[in-house]
Amino acid sequence: MRKMSSRQARRLMSQLGMSVEELPDVRQVIIRTSRKDLVIDGPSVSVTNMQGQTIYQVTGGSITEVAMEEGEEETPLSLPEEDVRLVAQQAKVSLETAKKALEAVAGDLAQAILNLSQRK
């Protein structure tokens, strides 16, 4: 395989509809899971746009795992009232049932409607 210069690589990516840019001045990236937080200090973050998809690539930096303490709860999910009404209307259920369904699927409207429709 022959080597490709960075200029040729950029030109080829442009022809394929890809763009890559480096995010400047990133000091920290935090990835939150239900059990712990991963804190990456001093990372390099690249953003790739390809065919309507955005990909964030985090490289380098030091990683620290921070476990959630007992009693510490996740940040409550903020559900817009209009989303709750839409799910309730589409699935023909009460607002309370729609809200619970949205909370169960982390605010995914389509999945909440599908789940409620399949229950009937």
C-alpha atoms as a PDB file:
ATOM      1  CA  MET A   1       0.000   0.000   0.000  1.00  0.00           C
ATOM      2  CA  ARG A   2       1.456   3.349  -0.955  1.00  0.00           C
ATOM      3  CA  LYS A   3       1.721   6.231   1.464  1.00  0.00           C
ATOM      4  CA  MET A   4      -0.666   9.148   1.197  1.00  0.00           C
ATOM      5  CA  SER A   5       0.165  12.734   2.117  1.00  0.00           C
ATOM      6  CA  SER A   6      -2.078  14.563   4.549  1.00  0.00           C
ATOM      7  CA  ARG A   7      -3.207  16.826   1.700  1.00  0.00           C
ATOM      8  CA  GLN A   8      -4.285  13.816  -0.387  1.00  0.00           C
ATOM      9  CA  ALA A   9      -6.060  12.319   2.631  1.00  0.00           C
ATOM     10  CA  ARG A  10      -7.996  15.562   3.251  1.00  0.00           C
ATOM     11  CA  ARG A  11      -8.949  15.776  -0.437  1.00  0.00           C
ATOM     12  CA  LEU A  12     -10.166  12.151  -0.463  1.00  0.00           C
ATOM     13  CA  MET A  13     -12.178  12.678   2.737  1.00  0.00           C
ATOM     14  CA  SER A  14     -13.745  15.799   1.227  1.00  0.00           C
ATOM     15  CA  GLN A  15     -14.763  13.830  -1.867  1.00  0.00           C
ATOM     16  CA  LEU A  16     -16.379  11.209   0.387  1.00  0.00           C
ATOM     17  CA  GLY A  17     -18.357  13.896   2.221  1.00  0.00           C
ATOM     18  CA  MET A  18     -16.306  13.689   5.418  1.00  0.00           C
ATOM     19  CA  SER A  19     -14.944  16.544   7.467  1.00  0.00           C
ATOM     20  CA  VAL A  20     -12.710  16.323  10.522  1.00  0.00           C
ATOM     21  CA  GLU A  21     -11.899  19.151  12.878  1.00  0.00           C
ATOM     22  CA  GLU A  22     -10.065  19.332  16.177  1.00  0.00           C
ATOM     23  CA  LEU A  23     -11.908  20.943  19.103  1.00  0.00           C
ATOM     24  CA  PRO A  24      -9.560  23.565  20.570  1.00  0.00           C
ATOM     25  CA  ASP A  25      -8.926  24.160  24.283  1.00  0.00           C
ATOM     26  CA  VAL A  26     -10.598  20.989  25.626  1.00  0.00           C
ATOM     27  CA  ARG A  27      -9.587  20.601  29.266  1.00  0.00           C
ATOM     28  CA  GLN A  28     -11.773  17.733  30.420  1.00  0.00           C
ATOM     29  CA  VAL A  29     -14.290  15.168  29.165  1.00  0.00           C
ATOM     30  CA  ILE A  30     -16.711  13.469  31.567  1.00  0.00           C
ATOM     31  CA  ILE A  31     -18.547  10.279  30.631  1.00  0.00           C
ATOM     32  CA  ARG A  32     -21.344   9.515  33.093  1.00  0.00           C
ATOM     33  CA  THR A  33     -22.683   6.008  33.568  1.00  0.00           C
ATOM     34  CA  SER A  34     -25.236   4.787  36.077  1.00  0.00           C
ATOM     35  CA  ARG A  35     -22.499   3.536  38.429  1.00  0.00           C
ATOM     36  CA  LYS A  36     -19.517   5.824  37.884  1.00  0.00           C
ATOM     37  CA  ASP A  37     -18.089   8.826  36.076  1.00  0.00           C
ATOM     38  CA  LEU A  38     -15.039   8.579  33.821  1.00  0.00           C
ATOM     39  CA  VAL A  39     -13.087  11.840  33.919  1.00  0.00           C
ATOM     40  CA  ILE A  40     -10.524  12.370  31.151  1.00  0.00           C
ATOM     41  CA  ASP A  41      -8.181  15.295  31.815  1.00  0.00           C
ATOM     42  CA  GLY A  42      -6.269  16.946  28.976  1.00  0.00           C
ATOM     43  CA  PRO A  43      -7.749  14.979  26.066  1.00  0.00           C
ATOM     44  CA  SER A  44      -7.584  15.639  22.363  1.00  0.00           C
ATOM     45  CA  VAL A  45     -11.098  15.714  20.862  1.00  0.00           C
ATOM     46  CA  SER A  46     -11.810  15.384  17.139  1.00  0.00           C
ATOM     47  CA  VAL A  47     -15.224  15.857  15.551  1.00  0.00           C
ATOM     48  CA  THR A  48     -15.930  13.915  12.356  1.00  0.00           C
ATOM     49  CA  ASN A  49     -18.999  14.645  10.234  1.00  0.00           C
ATOM     50  CA  MET A  50     -19.831  11.894   7.785  1.00  0.00           C
ATOM     51  CA  GLN A  51     -23.098  11.395   5.900  1.00  0.00           C
ATOM     52  CA  GLY A  52     -25.179  13.250   8.487  1.00  0.00           C
ATOM     53  CA  GLN A  53     -23.560  11.480  11.452  1.00  0.00           C
ATOM     54  CA  THR A  54     -21.378  13.286  13.986  1.00  0.00           C
ATOM     55  CA  ILE A  55     -18.632  11.266  15.660  1.00  0.00           C
ATOM     56  CA  TYR A  56     -16.639  12.540  18.641  1.00  0.00           C
ATOM     57  CA  GLN A  57     -13.243  10.901  19.132  1.00  0.00           C
ATOM     58  CA  VAL A  58     -11.547  11.393  22.495  1.00  0.00           C
ATOM     59  CA  THR A  59      -7.874  10.418  22.727  1.00  0.00           C
ATOM     60  CA  GLY A  60      -5.092  10.773  25.248  1.00  0.00           C
ATOM     61  CA  GLY A  61      -5.250  12.363  28.641  1.00  0.00           C
ATOM     62  CA  SER A  62      -5.332  10.779  32.073  1.00  0.00           C
ATOM     63  CA  ILE A  63      -8.427   8.804  33.061  1.00  0.00           C
ATOM     64  CA  THR A  64      -9.906   8.870  36.550  1.00  0.00           C
ATOM     65  CA  GLU A  65     -12.874   6.736  37.613  1.00  0.00           C
ATOM     66  CA  VAL A  66     -15.186   8.309  40.157  1.00  0.00           C
ATOM     67  CA  ALA A  67     -17.723   5.915  41.679  1.00  0.00           C
ATOM     68  CA  MET A  68     -21.136   7.298  42.595  1.00  0.00           C
ATOM     69  CA  GLU A  69     -21.576   7.359  46.344  1.00  0.00           C
ATOM     70  CA  GLU A  70     -24.481   5.602  48.004  1.00  0.00           C
ATOM     71  CA  GLY A  71     -27.436   7.889  48.296  1.00  0.00           C
ATOM     72  CA  GLU A  72     -26.208   9.984  45.399  1.00  0.00           C
ATOM     73  CA  GLU A  73     -28.770   9.883  42.654  1.00  0.00           C
ATOM     74  CA  GLU A  74     -28.468  10.474  38.970  1.00  0.00           C
ATOM     75  CA  THR A  75     -29.560  13.822  37.665  1.00  0.00           C
ATOM     76  CA  PRO A  76     -33.311  13.567  37.149  1.00  0.00           C
ATOM     77  CA  LEU A  77     -34.415  13.312  33.543  1.00  0.00           C
ATOM     78  CA  SER A  78     -36.084  16.505  32.372  1.00  0.00           C
ATOM     79  CA  LEU A  79     -39.077  15.611  30.218  1.00  0.00           C
ATOM     80  CA  PRO A  80     -40.702  18.470  28.321  1.00  0.00           C
ATOM     81  CA  GLU A  81     -44.468  18.596  28.896  1.00  0.00           C
ATOM     82  CA  GLU A  82     -45.063  18.660  25.137  1.00  0.00           C
ATOM     83  CA  ASP A  83     -43.225  15.313  24.795  1.00  0.00           C
ATOM     84  CA  VAL A  84     -45.417  13.767  27.498  1.00  0.00           C
ATOM     85  CA  ARG A  85     -48.568  15.079  25.791  1.00  0.00           C
ATOM     86  CA  LEU A  86     -47.427  13.784  22.394  1.00  0.00           C
ATOM     87  CA  VAL A  87     -46.760  10.271  23.736  1.00  0.00           C
ATOM     88  CA  ALA A  88     -50.079  10.269  25.623  1.00  0.00           C
ATOM     89  CA  GLN A  89     -51.962  11.363  22.512  1.00  0.00           C
ATOM     90  CA  GLN A  90     -50.255   8.935  20.121  1.00  0.00           C
ATOM     91  CA  ALA A  91     -50.508   5.912  22.440  1.00  0.00           C
ATOM     92  CA  LYS A  92     -53.964   6.929  23.748  1.00  0.00           C
ATOM     93  CA  VAL A  93     -52.942   6.732  27.422  1.00  0.00           C
ATOM     94  CA  SER A  94     -52.991   9.081  30.413  1.00  0.00           C
ATOM     95  CA  LEU A  95     -50.321  11.731  30.928  1.00  0.00           C
ATOM     96  CA  GLU A  96     -48.993   9.871  33.987  1.00  0.00           C
ATOM     97  CA  THR A  97     -48.628   6.612  32.023  1.00  0.00           C
ATOM     98  CA  ALA A  98     -46.919   8.481  29.182  1.00  0.00           C
ATOM     99  CA  LYS A  99     -44.504  10.146  31.614  1.00  0.00           C
ATOM    100  CA  LYS A 100     -43.575   6.794  33.199  1.00  0.00           C
ATOM    101  CA  ALA A 101     -43.027   5.263  29.753  1.00  0.00           C
ATOM    102  CA  LEU A 102     -40.752   8.157  28.746  1.00  0.00           C
ATOM    103  CA  GLU A 103     -38.747   7.849  31.965  1.00  0.00           C
ATOM    104  CA  ALA A 104     -38.304   4.111  31.346  1.00  0.00           C
ATOM    105  CA  VAL A 105     -36.706   4.752  27.934  1.00  0.00           C
ATOM    106  CA  ALA A 106     -34.701   7.866  28.911  1.00  0.00           C
ATOM    107  CA  GLY A 107     -36.909  10.257  26.928  1.00  0.00           C
ATOM    108  CA  ASP A 108     -36.951   8.343  23.614  1.00  0.00           C
ATOM    109  CA  LEU A 109     -40.332   9.382  22.163  1.00  0.00           C
ATOM    110  CA  ALA A 110     -40.589   6.713  19.469  1.00  0.00           C
ATOM    111  CA  GLN A 111     -39.618   3.879  21.818  1.00  0.00           C
ATOM    112  CA  ALA A 112     -42.090   5.054  24.475  1.00  0.00           C
ATOM    113  CA  ILE A 113     -44.942   5.139  21.941  1.00  0.00           C
ATOM    114  CA  LEU A 114     -43.998   1.694  20.603  1.00  0.00           C
ATOM    115  CA  ASN A 115     -43.808   0.195  24.095  1.00  0.00           C
ATOM    116  CA  LEU A 116     -47.195   1.610  25.073  1.00  0.00           C
ATOM    117  CA  SER A 117     -48.808   0.551  21.792  1.00  0.00           C
ATOM    118  CA  GLN A 118     -47.552  -3.022  22.182  1.00  0.00           C
ATOM    119  CA  ARG A 119     -49.080  -3.308  25.677  1.00  0.00           C
ATOM    120  CA  LYS A 120     -52.607  -2.995  24.302  1.00  0.00           C
END
